[in-house]
Amino acid sequence: MASMSSDPAHRVQDRRRRSRWRDRRRELAGLVARRVAIGLPMLVGLSALVFLLAARSPFNPLAAYLGAGYQWTTAEQRESLGRALGFDVPWWQAWRSWAGDLLRGDLGWSRGYSMPVSEVFAERLPWTLLLSGTALALAIVLALFWGTVAGLRPGSWSDRIITRLGVLVQAVPPFVLALGSVTTFAVILRWAPVAGAAEPGEPYTLGGVATHLVLPACTLALTQLPWLLLAVRTAVARARGSESVRAARARGVPPVTVVTAHVLPVSLAPLVTIVGARLPELVVGAVLVEEIFAWPGIAAALVASAQSLDFPLLAALTVATTAVVLLGSLLADSAYLFLDPRVSADV
């Protein structure tokens, strides 16, 4: 009789669970549709704005293209070369041509690197993803560990030290942290290579890249750590006093199980939100760190394209960077939607 009475209850519970998942999937589909409807016009407008601002720039793209040879050319030669390179075309025509090529899968030609923009991405994007992904993973792991340590004992000496260090690091600009890391660990202590991803003249190897990656990845992780750590600390401290945690302790659940099964799952949702919100700063920090450490990523191409007004490369890099930020924000909100059933997708 007991099994017969429990089967209908089990089926009802299973139906409710499936219904909740269906509702969540519908909410997620609506969230994705809204973000795409907002993001696509934003990317189109941003790409046009890049061409407009570049056209209004005081830099002379022909001078950047010719370099030292610019002063040796005559006015007629400059005018002829400018027409051949398309520098005399209005910005909106240049943007329309670039956008049309993009729709056909052609990212254009980079004058600065004398190669297709797609090849510039193929050569440099993996290095940026390696650095940014390693730094973000390291920052999340450290934030979870130290934030949990601080949040489990609010007001303790460990909480005060960790919180104050987080606030102090957050107040230091990323380029100062990067320069300080180079000076301290590479120049003075000589614990790590100064720059690059390999020794000068040497091929890339797994061990060499790993050695060169340590210092820039740790520096970039340090720039992202404070906000993540403080968010975890606050979430853990709040979850520590919740009714579910008190009930688990009253039942005699081991402290480790209380933390892993009751405290941390609730604390992950705010962490995911902060990660999504901090993606723009991660991109900016990666640009600064790559430049200071001479890391062979996208940052050098972004700076060079801005200086030389390399329109196709500059527009592609700007749009791609913005798209990554928008996609990361969408993934973070989607994860938050599944982690916390109380959250609505009306964002």
C-alpha atoms as a PDB file:
ATOM      1  CA  MET A   1       0.000   0.000   0.000  1.00  0.00           C
ATOM      2  CA  ALA A   2       2.870   2.330   0.837  1.00  0.00           C
ATOM      3  CA  SER A   3       4.439   1.862  -2.589  1.00  0.00           C
ATOM      4  CA  MET A   4       1.084   2.380  -4.312  1.00  0.00           C
ATOM      5  CA  SER A   5       0.490   5.627  -2.433  1.00  0.00           C
ATOM      6  CA  SER A   6       4.021   6.891  -3.062  1.00  0.00           C
ATOM      7  CA  ASP A   7       3.984   6.305  -6.842  1.00  0.00           C
ATOM      8  CA  PRO A   8       1.339   8.974  -7.623  1.00  0.00           C
ATOM      9  CA  ALA A   9       3.172  11.460  -5.379  1.00  0.00           C
ATOM     10  CA  HIS A  10       6.418  10.675  -7.158  1.00  0.00           C
ATOM     11  CA  ARG A  11       4.797  11.170 -10.542  1.00  0.00           C
ATOM     12  CA  VAL A  12       3.299  14.487  -9.460  1.00  0.00           C
ATOM     13  CA  GLN A  13       6.682  15.660  -8.213  1.00  0.00           C
ATOM     14  CA  ASP A  14       8.328  14.553 -11.451  1.00  0.00           C
ATOM     15  CA  ARG A  15       5.725  16.417 -13.522  1.00  0.00           C
ATOM     16  CA  ARG A  16       6.283  19.555 -11.474  1.00  0.00           C
ATOM     17  CA  ARG A  17      10.027  19.270 -11.963  1.00  0.00           C
ATOM     18  CA  ARG A  18       9.636  18.880 -15.740  1.00  0.00           C
ATOM     19  CA  SER A  19       7.230  21.794 -15.806  1.00  0.00           C
ATOM     20  CA  ARG A  20       9.726  24.003 -13.980  1.00  0.00           C
ATOM     21  CA  TRP A  21      12.466  23.076 -16.466  1.00  0.00           C
ATOM     22  CA  ARG A  22      10.138  23.837 -19.392  1.00  0.00           C
ATOM     23  CA  ASP A  23       9.321  27.230 -17.891  1.00  0.00           C
ATOM     24  CA  ARG A  24      13.014  27.914 -17.388  1.00  0.00           C
ATOM     25  CA  ARG A  25      13.825  26.973 -20.979  1.00  0.00           C
ATOM     26  CA  ARG A  26      11.094  29.306 -22.242  1.00  0.00           C
ATOM     27  CA  GLU A  27      12.438  32.115 -20.072  1.00  0.00           C
ATOM     28  CA  LEU A  28      15.946  31.431 -21.342  1.00  0.00           C
ATOM     29  CA  ALA A  29      14.776  31.514 -24.965  1.00  0.00           C
ATOM     30  CA  GLY A  30      13.053  34.836 -24.323  1.00  0.00           C
ATOM     31  CA  LEU A  31      16.202  36.200 -22.663  1.00  0.00           C
ATOM     32  CA  VAL A  32      18.365  35.177 -25.620  1.00  0.00           C
ATOM     33  CA  ALA A  33      15.892  36.678 -28.106  1.00  0.00           C
ATOM     34  CA  ARG A  34      15.812  39.998 -26.247  1.00  0.00           C
ATOM     35  CA  ARG A  35      19.589  40.193 -25.940  1.00  0.00           C
ATOM     36  CA  VAL A  36      20.059  39.403 -29.634  1.00  0.00           C
ATOM     37  CA  ALA A  37      17.471  42.034 -30.572  1.00  0.00           C
ATOM     38  CA  ILE A  38      19.429  44.593 -28.533  1.00  0.00           C
ATOM     39  CA  GLY A  39      22.942  43.373 -29.312  1.00  0.00           C
ATOM     40  CA  LEU A  40      22.825  43.219 -33.101  1.00  0.00           C
ATOM     41  CA  PRO A  41      21.807  46.879 -33.643  1.00  0.00           C
ATOM     42  CA  MET A  42      24.365  47.854 -31.012  1.00  0.00           C
ATOM     43  CA  LEU A  43      27.160  46.078 -32.899  1.00  0.00           C
ATOM     44  CA  VAL A  44      26.073  47.631 -36.205  1.00  0.00           C
ATOM     45  CA  GLY A  45      26.003  51.113 -34.691  1.00  0.00           C
ATOM     46  CA  LEU A  46      29.338  50.550 -32.961  1.00  0.00           C
ATOM     47  CA  SER A  47      31.039  49.486 -36.188  1.00  0.00           C
ATOM     48  CA  ALA A  48      29.749  52.622 -37.952  1.00  0.00           C
ATOM     49  CA  LEU A  49      30.908  54.745 -35.017  1.00  0.00           C
ATOM     50  CA  VAL A  50      34.435  53.310 -35.323  1.00  0.00           C
ATOM     51  CA  PHE A  51      34.666  54.492 -38.941  1.00  0.00           C
ATOM     52  CA  LEU A  52      33.178  57.890 -38.056  1.00  0.00           C
ATOM     53  CA  LEU A  53      35.578  58.519 -35.173  1.00  0.00           C
ATOM     54  CA  ALA A  54      38.538  57.249 -37.191  1.00  0.00           C
ATOM     55  CA  ALA A  55      37.650  59.661 -39.990  1.00  0.00           C
ATOM     56  CA  ARG A  56      37.545  62.528 -37.449  1.00  0.00           C
ATOM     57  CA  SER A  57      40.866  61.482 -35.922  1.00  0.00           C
ATOM     58  CA  PRO A  58      43.769  63.966 -36.103  1.00  0.00           C
ATOM     59  CA  PHE A  59      46.090  61.136 -37.166  1.00  0.00           C
ATOM     60  CA  ASN A  60      47.011  60.906 -40.823  1.00  0.00           C
ATOM     61  CA  PRO A  61      46.491  57.315 -42.011  1.00  0.00           C
ATOM     62  CA  LEU A  62      48.765  57.851 -45.016  1.00  0.00           C
ATOM     63  CA  ALA A  63      51.590  59.079 -42.764  1.00  0.00           C
ATOM     64  CA  ALA A  64      51.115  56.032 -40.546  1.00  0.00           C
ATOM     65  CA  TYR A  65      51.137  53.774 -43.606  1.00  0.00           C
ATOM     66  CA  LEU A  66      54.286  55.256 -45.141  1.00  0.00           C
ATOM     67  CA  GLY A  67      56.142  55.780 -41.882  1.00  0.00           C
ATOM     68  CA  ALA A  68      59.481  57.579 -42.320  1.00  0.00           C
ATOM     69  CA  GLY A  69      59.005  57.641 -46.099  1.00  0.00           C
ATOM     70  CA  TYR A  70      56.084  60.066 -45.794  1.00  0.00           C
ATOM     71  CA  GLN A  71      58.341  63.137 -45.708  1.00  0.00           C
ATOM     72  CA  TRP A  72      60.062  62.090 -48.936  1.00  0.00           C
ATOM     73  CA  THR A  73      56.881  61.889 -51.004  1.00  0.00           C
ATOM     74  CA  THR A  74      55.447  64.761 -52.999  1.00  0.00           C
ATOM     75  CA  ALA A  75      51.923  66.107 -52.646  1.00  0.00           C
ATOM     76  CA  GLU A  76      50.947  64.482 -55.948  1.00  0.00           C
ATOM     77  CA  GLN A  77      52.308  61.125 -54.844  1.00  0.00           C
ATOM     78  CA  ARG A  78      50.452  61.364 -51.528  1.00  0.00           C
ATOM     79  CA  GLU A  79      47.198  62.220 -53.256  1.00  0.00           C
ATOM     80  CA  SER A  80      47.578  59.373 -55.747  1.00  0.00           C
ATOM     81  CA  LEU A  81      48.491  56.843 -53.065  1.00  0.00           C
ATOM     82  CA  GLY A  82      45.662  58.055 -50.826  1.00  0.00           C
ATOM     83  CA  ARG A  83      43.150  57.453 -53.635  1.00  0.00           C
ATOM     84  CA  ALA A  84      44.616  54.004 -54.317  1.00  0.00           C
ATOM     85  CA  LEU A  85      44.322  53.040 -50.650  1.00  0.00           C
ATOM     86  CA  GLY A  86      40.817  54.475 -50.330  1.00  0.00           C
ATOM     87  CA  PHE A  87      41.694  57.239 -47.866  1.00  0.00           C
ATOM     88  CA  ASP A  88      39.660  59.774 -49.851  1.00  0.00           C
ATOM     89  CA  VAL A  89      36.440  57.774 -49.537  1.00  0.00           C
ATOM     90  CA  PRO A  90      33.842  59.184 -47.095  1.00  0.00           C
ATOM     91  CA  TRP A  91      33.620  57.238 -43.857  1.00  0.00           C
ATOM     92  CA  TRP A  92      30.092  56.017 -44.488  1.00  0.00           C
ATOM     93  CA  GLN A  93      31.062  54.559 -47.862  1.00  0.00           C
ATOM     94  CA  ALA A  94      34.086  52.851 -46.307  1.00  0.00           C
ATOM     95  CA  TRP A  95      31.854  51.443 -43.559  1.00  0.00           C
ATOM     96  CA  ARG A  96      29.230  50.272 -46.048  1.00  0.00           C
ATOM     97  CA  SER A  97      31.880  48.494 -48.096  1.00  0.00           C
ATOM     98  CA  TRP A  98      33.357  46.873 -44.975  1.00  0.00           C
ATOM     99  CA  ALA A  99      29.947  45.765 -43.703  1.00  0.00           C
ATOM    100  CA  GLY A 100      29.066  44.266 -47.089  1.00  0.00           C
ATOM    101  CA  ASP A 101      32.309  42.290 -47.163  1.00  0.00           C
ATOM    102  CA  LEU A 102      31.658  41.151 -43.584  1.00  0.00           C
ATOM    103  CA  LEU A 103      28.262  39.752 -44.540  1.00  0.00           C
ATOM    104  CA  ARG A 104      30.036  37.705 -47.216  1.00  0.00           C
ATOM    105  CA  GLY A 105      32.500  36.352 -44.647  1.00  0.00           C
ATOM    106  CA  ASP A 106      35.388  38.646 -45.595  1.00  0.00           C
ATOM    107  CA  LEU A 107      36.823  40.631 -42.668  1.00  0.00           C
ATOM    108  CA  GLY A 108      38.925  42.782 -44.973  1.00  0.00           C
ATOM    109  CA  TRP A 109      42.622  43.468 -45.427  1.00  0.00           C
ATOM    110  CA  SER A 110      44.873  44.858 -42.709  1.00  0.00           C
ATOM    111  CA  ARG A 111      47.233  47.475 -44.083  1.00  0.00           C
ATOM    112  CA  GLY A 112      49.326  47.494 -40.927  1.00  0.00           C
ATOM    113  CA  TYR A 113      50.019  43.751 -40.964  1.00  0.00           C
ATOM    114  CA  SER A 114      49.794  43.285 -44.755  1.00  0.00           C
ATOM    115  CA  MET A 115      47.547  40.258 -44.378  1.00  0.00           C
ATOM    116  CA  PRO A 116      43.833  39.470 -44.169  1.00  0.00           C
ATOM    117  CA  VAL A 117      42.177  40.471 -40.906  1.00  0.00           C
ATOM    118  CA  SER A 118      41.047  36.867 -40.465  1.00  0.00           C
ATOM    119  CA  GLU A 119      44.699  35.770 -40.371  1.00  0.00           C
ATOM    120  CA  VAL A 120      45.494  38.410 -37.751  1.00  0.00           C
ATOM    121  CA  PHE A 121      42.696  36.956 -35.612  1.00  0.00           C
ATOM    122  CA  ALA A 122      43.847  33.396 -36.235  1.00  0.00           C
ATOM    123  CA  GLU A 123      47.400  34.211 -35.174  1.00  0.00           C
ATOM    124  CA  ARG A 124      46.680  36.356 -32.118  1.00  0.00           C
ATOM    125  CA  LEU A 125      43.274  35.405 -30.710  1.00  0.00           C
ATOM    126  CA  PRO A 126      44.402  32.035 -29.236  1.00  0.00           C
ATOM    127  CA  TRP A 127      47.087  33.829 -27.208  1.00  0.00           C
ATOM    128  CA  THR A 128      44.567  36.289 -25.799  1.00  0.00           C
ATOM    129  CA  LEU A 129      42.112  33.492 -24.972  1.00  0.00           C
ATOM    130  CA  LEU A 130      44.887  31.551 -23.236  1.00  0.00           C
ATOM    131  CA  LEU A 131      45.889  34.520 -21.086  1.00  0.00           C
ATOM    132  CA  SER A 132      42.360  35.724 -20.295  1.00  0.00           C
ATOM    133  CA  GLY A 133      40.960  32.232 -19.677  1.00  0.00           C
ATOM    134  CA  THR A 134      43.817  31.263 -17.366  1.00  0.00           C
ATOM    135  CA  ALA A 135      43.569  34.528 -15.436  1.00  0.00           C
ATOM    136  CA  LEU A 136      39.789  34.328 -15.060  1.00  0.00           C
ATOM    137  CA  ALA A 137      39.904  30.695 -13.899  1.00  0.00           C
ATOM    138  CA  LEU A 138      42.621  31.528 -11.371  1.00  0.00           C
ATOM    139  CA  ALA A 139      40.693  34.553 -10.094  1.00  0.00           C
ATOM    140  CA  ILE A 140      37.498  32.494  -9.651  1.00  0.00           C
ATOM    141  CA  VAL A 141      39.299  29.714  -7.750  1.00  0.00           C
ATOM    142  CA  LEU A 142      41.046  32.192  -5.437  1.00  0.00           C
ATOM    143  CA  ALA A 143      37.833  34.166  -4.920  1.00  0.00           C
ATOM    144  CA  LEU A 144      35.899  31.035  -3.990  1.00  0.00           C
ATOM    145  CA  PHE A 145      38.560  29.891  -1.529  1.00  0.00           C
ATOM    146  CA  TRP A 146      39.414  33.158   0.211  1.00  0.00           C
ATOM    147  CA  GLY A 147      35.875  34.511  -0.017  1.00  0.00           C
ATOM    148  CA  THR A 148      34.566  31.390   1.675  1.00  0.00           C
ATOM    149  CA  VAL A 149      37.244  31.598   4.374  1.00  0.00           C
ATOM    150  CA  ALA A 150      36.316  35.225   5.098  1.00  0.00           C
ATOM    151  CA  GLY A 151      32.555  34.745   4.839  1.00  0.00           C
ATOM    152  CA  LEU A 152      32.368  31.773   7.188  1.00  0.00           C
ATOM    153  CA  ARG A 153      33.794  33.875  10.042  1.00  0.00           C
ATOM    154  CA  PRO A 154      32.565  37.467   9.609  1.00  0.00           C
ATOM    155  CA  GLY A 155      34.466  39.936  11.728  1.00  0.00           C
ATOM    156  CA  SER A 156      37.373  37.581  12.432  1.00  0.00           C
ATOM    157  CA  TRP A 157      40.993  38.570  11.862  1.00  0.00           C
ATOM    158  CA  SER A 158      41.102  36.489   8.677  1.00  0.00           C
ATOM    159  CA  ASP A 159      37.968  38.227   7.387  1.00  0.00           C
ATOM    160  CA  ARG A 160      39.384  41.681   8.142  1.00  0.00           C
ATOM    161  CA  ILE A 161      42.734  40.944   6.499  1.00  0.00           C
ATOM    162  CA  ILE A 162      41.228  39.387   3.367  1.00  0.00           C
ATOM    163  CA  THR A 163      38.623  42.133   2.957  1.00  0.00           C
ATOM    164  CA  ARG A 164      41.099  44.964   3.451  1.00  0.00           C
ATOM    165  CA  LEU A 165      43.586  43.428   1.036  1.00  0.00           C
ATOM    166  CA  GLY A 166      40.806  43.052  -1.539  1.00  0.00           C
ATOM    167  CA  VAL A 167      39.805  46.704  -1.184  1.00  0.00           C
ATOM    168  CA  LEU A 168      43.460  47.784  -1.380  1.00  0.00           C
ATOM    169  CA  VAL A 169      44.172  45.803  -4.556  1.00  0.00           C
ATOM    170  CA  GLN A 170      40.962  47.101  -6.144  1.00  0.00           C
ATOM    171  CA  ALA A 171      42.172  50.672  -5.637  1.00  0.00           C
ATOM    172  CA  VAL A 172      45.409  50.067  -7.596  1.00  0.00           C
ATOM    173  CA  PRO A 173      45.147  50.644 -11.383  1.00  0.00           C
ATOM    174  CA  PRO A 174      45.838  47.528 -13.494  1.00  0.00           C
ATOM    175  CA  PHE A 175      48.811  49.069 -15.290  1.00  0.00           C
ATOM    176  CA  VAL A 176      50.438  49.842 -11.926  1.00  0.00           C
ATOM    177  CA  LEU A 177      49.995  46.223 -10.848  1.00  0.00           C
ATOM    178  CA  ALA A 178      51.459  45.034 -14.141  1.00  0.00           C
ATOM    179  CA  LEU A 179      54.469  47.365 -13.959  1.00  0.00           C
ATOM    180  CA  GLY A 180      55.002  46.463 -10.314  1.00  0.00           C
ATOM    181  CA  SER A 181      54.911  42.756 -11.158  1.00  0.00           C
ATOM    182  CA  VAL A 182      57.476  43.188 -13.922  1.00  0.00           C
ATOM    183  CA  THR A 183      59.764  45.255 -11.703  1.00  0.00           C
ATOM    184  CA  THR A 184      59.512  42.982  -8.673  1.00  0.00           C
ATOM    185  CA  PHE A 185      59.316  39.441 -10.015  1.00  0.00           C
ATOM    186  CA  ALA A 186      61.022  39.756 -13.408  1.00  0.00           C
ATOM    187  CA  VAL A 187      63.648  42.481 -13.011  1.00  0.00           C
ATOM    188  CA  ILE A 188      64.633  42.410  -9.327  1.00  0.00           C
ATOM    189  CA  LEU A 189      63.950  38.827  -8.223  1.00  0.00           C
ATOM    190  CA  ARG A 190      64.271  37.275 -11.706  1.00  0.00           C
ATOM    191  CA  TRP A 191      61.666  34.643 -10.873  1.00  0.00           C
ATOM    192  CA  ALA A 192      59.929  34.952 -14.247  1.00  0.00           C
ATOM    193  CA  PRO A 193      60.697  36.102 -17.811  1.00  0.00           C
ATOM    194  CA  VAL A 194      60.246  39.789 -18.486  1.00  0.00           C
ATOM    195  CA  ALA A 195      58.120  39.640 -21.638  1.00  0.00           C
ATOM    196  CA  GLY A 196      56.873  37.618 -24.582  1.00  0.00           C
ATOM    197  CA  ALA A 197      55.754  34.009 -24.764  1.00  0.00           C
ATOM    198  CA  ALA A 198      59.188  32.578 -25.582  1.00  0.00           C
ATOM    199  CA  GLU A 199      62.833  33.535 -25.374  1.00  0.00           C
ATOM    200  CA  PRO A 200      64.015  35.813 -28.218  1.00  0.00           C
ATOM    201  CA  GLY A 201      64.741  33.739 -31.302  1.00  0.00           C
ATOM    202  CA  GLU A 202      63.406  30.535 -29.732  1.00  0.00           C
ATOM    203  CA  PRO A 203      60.344  28.619 -31.000  1.00  0.00           C
ATOM    204  CA  TYR A 204      57.212  28.317 -28.910  1.00  0.00           C
ATOM    205  CA  THR A 205      57.220  25.256 -26.643  1.00  0.00           C
ATOM    206  CA  LEU A 206      54.717  24.078 -24.041  1.00  0.00           C
ATOM    207  CA  GLY A 207      57.164  24.549 -21.177  1.00  0.00           C
ATOM    208  CA  GLY A 208      58.358  27.918 -22.439  1.00  0.00           C
ATOM    209  CA  VAL A 209      54.853  29.284 -22.945  1.00  0.00           C
ATOM    210  CA  ALA A 210      53.780  28.031 -19.498  1.00  0.00           C
ATOM    211  CA  THR A 211      56.777  29.744 -17.892  1.00  0.00           C
ATOM    212  CA  HIS A 212      56.105  33.020 -19.670  1.00  0.00           C
ATOM    213  CA  LEU A 213      52.369  32.785 -18.925  1.00  0.00           C
ATOM    214  CA  VAL A 214      52.680  32.655 -15.131  1.00  0.00           C
ATOM    215  CA  LEU A 215      53.435  36.303 -14.402  1.00  0.00           C
ATOM    216  CA  PRO A 216      50.982  37.994 -16.836  1.00  0.00           C
ATOM    217  CA  ALA A 217      48.200  35.533 -15.941  1.00  0.00           C
ATOM    218  CA  CYS A 218      48.707  36.073 -12.199  1.00  0.00           C
ATOM    219  CA  THR A 219      48.804  39.836 -12.710  1.00  0.00           C
ATOM    220  CA  LEU A 220      45.600  39.844 -14.766  1.00  0.00           C
ATOM    221  CA  ALA A 221      43.941  37.519 -12.233  1.00  0.00           C
ATOM    222  CA  LEU A 222      44.919  39.903  -9.441  1.00  0.00           C
ATOM    223  CA  THR A 223      43.192  42.781 -11.229  1.00  0.00           C
ATOM    224  CA  GLN A 224      39.943  40.772 -11.376  1.00  0.00           C
ATOM    225  CA  LEU A 225      40.127  39.147  -7.951  1.00  0.00           C
ATOM    226  CA  PRO A 226      38.887  41.840  -5.502  1.00  0.00           C
ATOM    227  CA  TRP A 227      35.303  42.206  -6.729  1.00  0.00           C
ATOM    228  CA  LEU A 228      34.873  38.447  -7.127  1.00  0.00           C
ATOM    229  CA  LEU A 229      36.313  37.809  -3.671  1.00  0.00           C
ATOM    230  CA  LEU A 230      34.136  40.427  -1.964  1.00  0.00           C
ATOM    231  CA  ALA A 231      31.023  39.112  -3.737  1.00  0.00           C
ATOM    232  CA  VAL A 232      31.717  35.553  -2.558  1.00  0.00           C
ATOM    233  CA  ARG A 233      32.492  36.761   0.959  1.00  0.00           C
ATOM    234  CA  THR A 234      29.184  38.648   1.187  1.00  0.00           C
ATOM    235  CA  ALA A 235      27.172  35.761  -0.288  1.00  0.00           C
ATOM    236  CA  VAL A 236      28.779  33.184   2.028  1.00  0.00           C
ATOM    237  CA  ALA A 237      28.218  35.365   5.109  1.00  0.00           C
ATOM    238  CA  ARG A 238      24.565  35.784   4.138  1.00  0.00           C
ATOM    239  CA  ALA A 239      24.079  32.085   3.378  1.00  0.00           C
ATOM    240  CA  ARG A 240      25.786  31.139   6.647  1.00  0.00           C
ATOM    241  CA  GLY A 241      22.883  32.596   8.621  1.00  0.00           C
ATOM    242  CA  SER A 242      20.095  31.218   6.421  1.00  0.00           C
ATOM    243  CA  GLU A 243      17.405  28.878   7.739  1.00  0.00           C
ATOM    244  CA  SER A 244      18.571  25.943   5.596  1.00  0.00           C
ATOM    245  CA  VAL A 245      22.097  26.146   7.017  1.00  0.00           C
ATOM    246  CA  ARG A 246      20.819  26.405  10.598  1.00  0.00           C
ATOM    247  CA  ALA A 247      18.543  23.426  10.006  1.00  0.00           C
ATOM    248  CA  ALA A 248      21.414  21.392   8.559  1.00  0.00           C
ATOM    249  CA  ARG A 249      23.582  22.157  11.563  1.00  0.00           C
ATOM    250  CA  ALA A 250      20.735  21.231  13.898  1.00  0.00           C
ATOM    251  CA  ARG A 251      20.477  17.844  12.171  1.00  0.00           C
ATOM    252  CA  GLY A 252      24.150  17.226  12.882  1.00  0.00           C
ATOM    253  CA  VAL A 253      25.357  17.572   9.288  1.00  0.00           C
ATOM    254  CA  PRO A 254      29.190  17.776   9.195  1.00  0.00           C
ATOM    255  CA  PRO A 255      30.550  21.324   8.743  1.00  0.00           C
ATOM    256  CA  VAL A 256      32.283  20.460   5.467  1.00  0.00           C
ATOM    257  CA  THR A 257      29.012  19.130   4.039  1.00  0.00           C
ATOM    258  CA  VAL A 258      27.178  22.238   5.231  1.00  0.00           C
ATOM    259  CA  VAL A 259      29.629  24.438   3.341  1.00  0.00           C
ATOM    260  CA  THR A 260      29.784  22.396   0.131  1.00  0.00           C
ATOM    261  CA  ALA A 261      26.103  21.409  -0.061  1.00  0.00           C
ATOM    262  CA  HIS A 262      24.320  24.430   1.437  1.00  0.00           C
ATOM    263  CA  VAL A 263      26.555  27.497   1.519  1.00  0.00           C
ATOM    264  CA  LEU A 264      28.569  27.368  -1.716  1.00  0.00           C
ATOM    265  CA  PRO A 265      25.694  26.541  -4.125  1.00  0.00           C
ATOM    266  CA  VAL A 266      23.811  29.622  -2.944  1.00  0.00           C
ATOM    267  CA  SER A 267      26.971  31.726  -3.211  1.00  0.00           C
ATOM    268  CA  LEU A 268      27.685  30.774  -6.829  1.00  0.00           C
ATOM    269  CA  ALA A 269      24.864  32.832  -8.319  1.00  0.00           C
ATOM    270  CA  PRO A 270      26.253  36.239  -7.200  1.00  0.00           C
ATOM    271  CA  LEU A 271      29.720  35.151  -8.347  1.00  0.00           C
ATOM    272  CA  VAL A 272      28.404  34.301 -11.811  1.00  0.00           C
ATOM    273  CA  THR A 273      26.699  37.700 -12.031  1.00  0.00           C
ATOM    274  CA  ILE A 274      29.860  39.546 -11.014  1.00  0.00           C
ATOM    275  CA  VAL A 275      31.920  37.594 -13.556  1.00  0.00           C
ATOM    276  CA  GLY A 276      29.530  38.668 -16.312  1.00  0.00           C
ATOM    277  CA  ALA A 277      29.535  42.277 -15.135  1.00  0.00           C
ATOM    278  CA  ARG A 278      33.343  42.422 -14.941  1.00  0.00           C
ATOM    279  CA  LEU A 279      34.001  41.098 -18.452  1.00  0.00           C
ATOM    280  CA  PRO A 280      34.563  44.588 -19.908  1.00  0.00           C
ATOM    281  CA  GLU A 281      37.213  45.227 -17.261  1.00  0.00           C
ATOM    282  CA  LEU A 282      38.773  41.848 -18.024  1.00  0.00           C
ATOM    283  CA  VAL A 283      39.071  42.868 -21.674  1.00  0.00           C
ATOM    284  CA  VAL A 284      40.619  46.240 -20.767  1.00  0.00           C
ATOM    285  CA  GLY A 285      42.935  44.596 -18.247  1.00  0.00           C
ATOM    286  CA  ALA A 286      44.022  42.028 -20.822  1.00  0.00           C
ATOM    287  CA  VAL A 287      44.916  44.816 -23.262  1.00  0.00           C
ATOM    288  CA  LEU A 288      47.068  46.574 -20.665  1.00  0.00           C
ATOM    289  CA  VAL A 289      48.729  43.398 -19.429  1.00  0.00           C
ATOM    290  CA  GLU A 290      49.451  42.171 -22.955  1.00  0.00           C
ATOM    291  CA  GLU A 291      51.043  45.475 -23.882  1.00  0.00           C
ATOM    292  CA  ILE A 292      53.229  45.647 -20.770  1.00  0.00           C
ATOM    293  CA  PHE A 293      54.310  42.006 -20.979  1.00  0.00           C
ATOM    294  CA  ALA A 294      54.607  42.058 -24.797  1.00  0.00           C
ATOM    295  CA  TRP A 295      52.250  39.085 -24.948  1.00  0.00           C
ATOM    296  CA  PRO A 296      51.550  38.156 -28.610  1.00  0.00           C
ATOM    297  CA  GLY A 297      47.788  38.602 -28.356  1.00  0.00           C
ATOM    298  CA  ILE A 298      45.092  40.841 -29.765  1.00  0.00           C
ATOM    299  CA  ALA A 299      46.100  43.862 -27.671  1.00  0.00           C
ATOM    300  CA  ALA A 300      49.112  44.783 -29.795  1.00  0.00           C
ATOM    301  CA  ALA A 301      46.973  44.546 -32.936  1.00  0.00           C
ATOM    302  CA  LEU A 302      44.292  46.736 -31.341  1.00  0.00           C
ATOM    303  CA  VAL A 303      46.788  49.443 -30.386  1.00  0.00           C
ATOM    304  CA  ALA A 304      48.543  49.305 -33.774  1.00  0.00           C
ATOM    305  CA  SER A 305      45.250  49.490 -35.687  1.00  0.00           C
ATOM    306  CA  ALA A 306      44.160  52.537 -33.678  1.00  0.00           C
ATOM    307  CA  GLN A 307      47.472  54.328 -34.231  1.00  0.00           C
ATOM    308  CA  SER A 308      47.599  53.628 -37.956  1.00  0.00           C
ATOM    309  CA  LEU A 309      43.833  53.996 -38.525  1.00  0.00           C
ATOM    310  CA  ASP A 310      43.703  50.510 -39.982  1.00  0.00           C
ATOM    311  CA  PHE A 311      39.922  50.681 -40.430  1.00  0.00           C
ATOM    312  CA  PRO A 312      39.089  47.051 -41.242  1.00  0.00           C
ATOM    313  CA  LEU A 313      41.209  45.646 -38.402  1.00  0.00           C
ATOM    314  CA  LEU A 314      40.128  48.297 -35.899  1.00  0.00           C
ATOM    315  CA  ALA A 315      36.435  47.795 -36.657  1.00  0.00           C
ATOM    316  CA  ALA A 316      36.711  43.997 -36.556  1.00  0.00           C
ATOM    317  CA  LEU A 317      38.580  44.047 -33.234  1.00  0.00           C
ATOM    318  CA  THR A 318      36.148  46.512 -31.662  1.00  0.00           C
ATOM    319  CA  VAL A 319      33.060  44.615 -32.778  1.00  0.00           C
ATOM    320  CA  ALA A 320      34.541  41.256 -31.796  1.00  0.00           C
ATOM    321  CA  THR A 321      35.517  42.519 -28.338  1.00  0.00           C
ATOM    322  CA  THR A 322      32.058  43.992 -27.755  1.00  0.00           C
ATOM    323  CA  ALA A 323      30.421  40.779 -28.974  1.00  0.00           C
ATOM    324  CA  VAL A 324      32.503  38.744 -26.524  1.00  0.00           C
ATOM    325  CA  VAL A 325      31.408  41.000 -23.658  1.00  0.00           C
ATOM    326  CA  LEU A 326      27.740  40.757 -24.670  1.00  0.00           C
ATOM    327  CA  LEU A 327      27.974  36.993 -25.046  1.00  0.00           C
ATOM    328  CA  GLY A 328      29.682  36.636 -21.680  1.00  0.00           C
ATOM    329  CA  SER A 329      26.989  38.734 -20.031  1.00  0.00           C
ATOM    330  CA  LEU A 330      24.295  36.570 -21.640  1.00  0.00           C
ATOM    331  CA  LEU A 331      25.973  33.359 -20.460  1.00  0.00           C
ATOM    332  CA  ALA A 332      26.321  34.751 -16.934  1.00  0.00           C
ATOM    333  CA  ASP A 333      22.647  35.766 -16.789  1.00  0.00           C
ATOM    334  CA  SER A 334      21.614  32.388 -18.196  1.00  0.00           C
ATOM    335  CA  ALA A 335      23.649  30.552 -15.583  1.00  0.00           C
ATOM    336  CA  TYR A 336      22.163  32.760 -12.853  1.00  0.00           C
ATOM    337  CA  LEU A 337      18.698  31.922 -14.175  1.00  0.00           C
ATOM    338  CA  PHE A 338      19.316  28.197 -13.680  1.00  0.00           C
ATOM    339  CA  LEU A 339      21.233  28.508 -10.412  1.00  0.00           C
ATOM    340  CA  ASP A 340      18.601  30.549  -8.571  1.00  0.00           C
ATOM    341  CA  PRO A 341      14.943  29.575  -9.153  1.00  0.00           C
ATOM    342  CA  ARG A 342      13.799  32.854  -7.581  1.00  0.00           C
ATOM    343  CA  VAL A 343      15.299  34.907 -10.424  1.00  0.00           C
ATOM    344  CA  SER A 344      13.126  36.074 -13.289  1.00  0.00           C
ATOM    345  CA  ALA A 345      14.351  36.385 -16.867  1.00  0.00           C
ATOM    346  CA  ASP A 346      12.762  39.800 -17.288  1.00  0.00           C
ATOM    347  CA  VAL A 347      16.154  41.552 -17.514  1.00  0.00           C
END
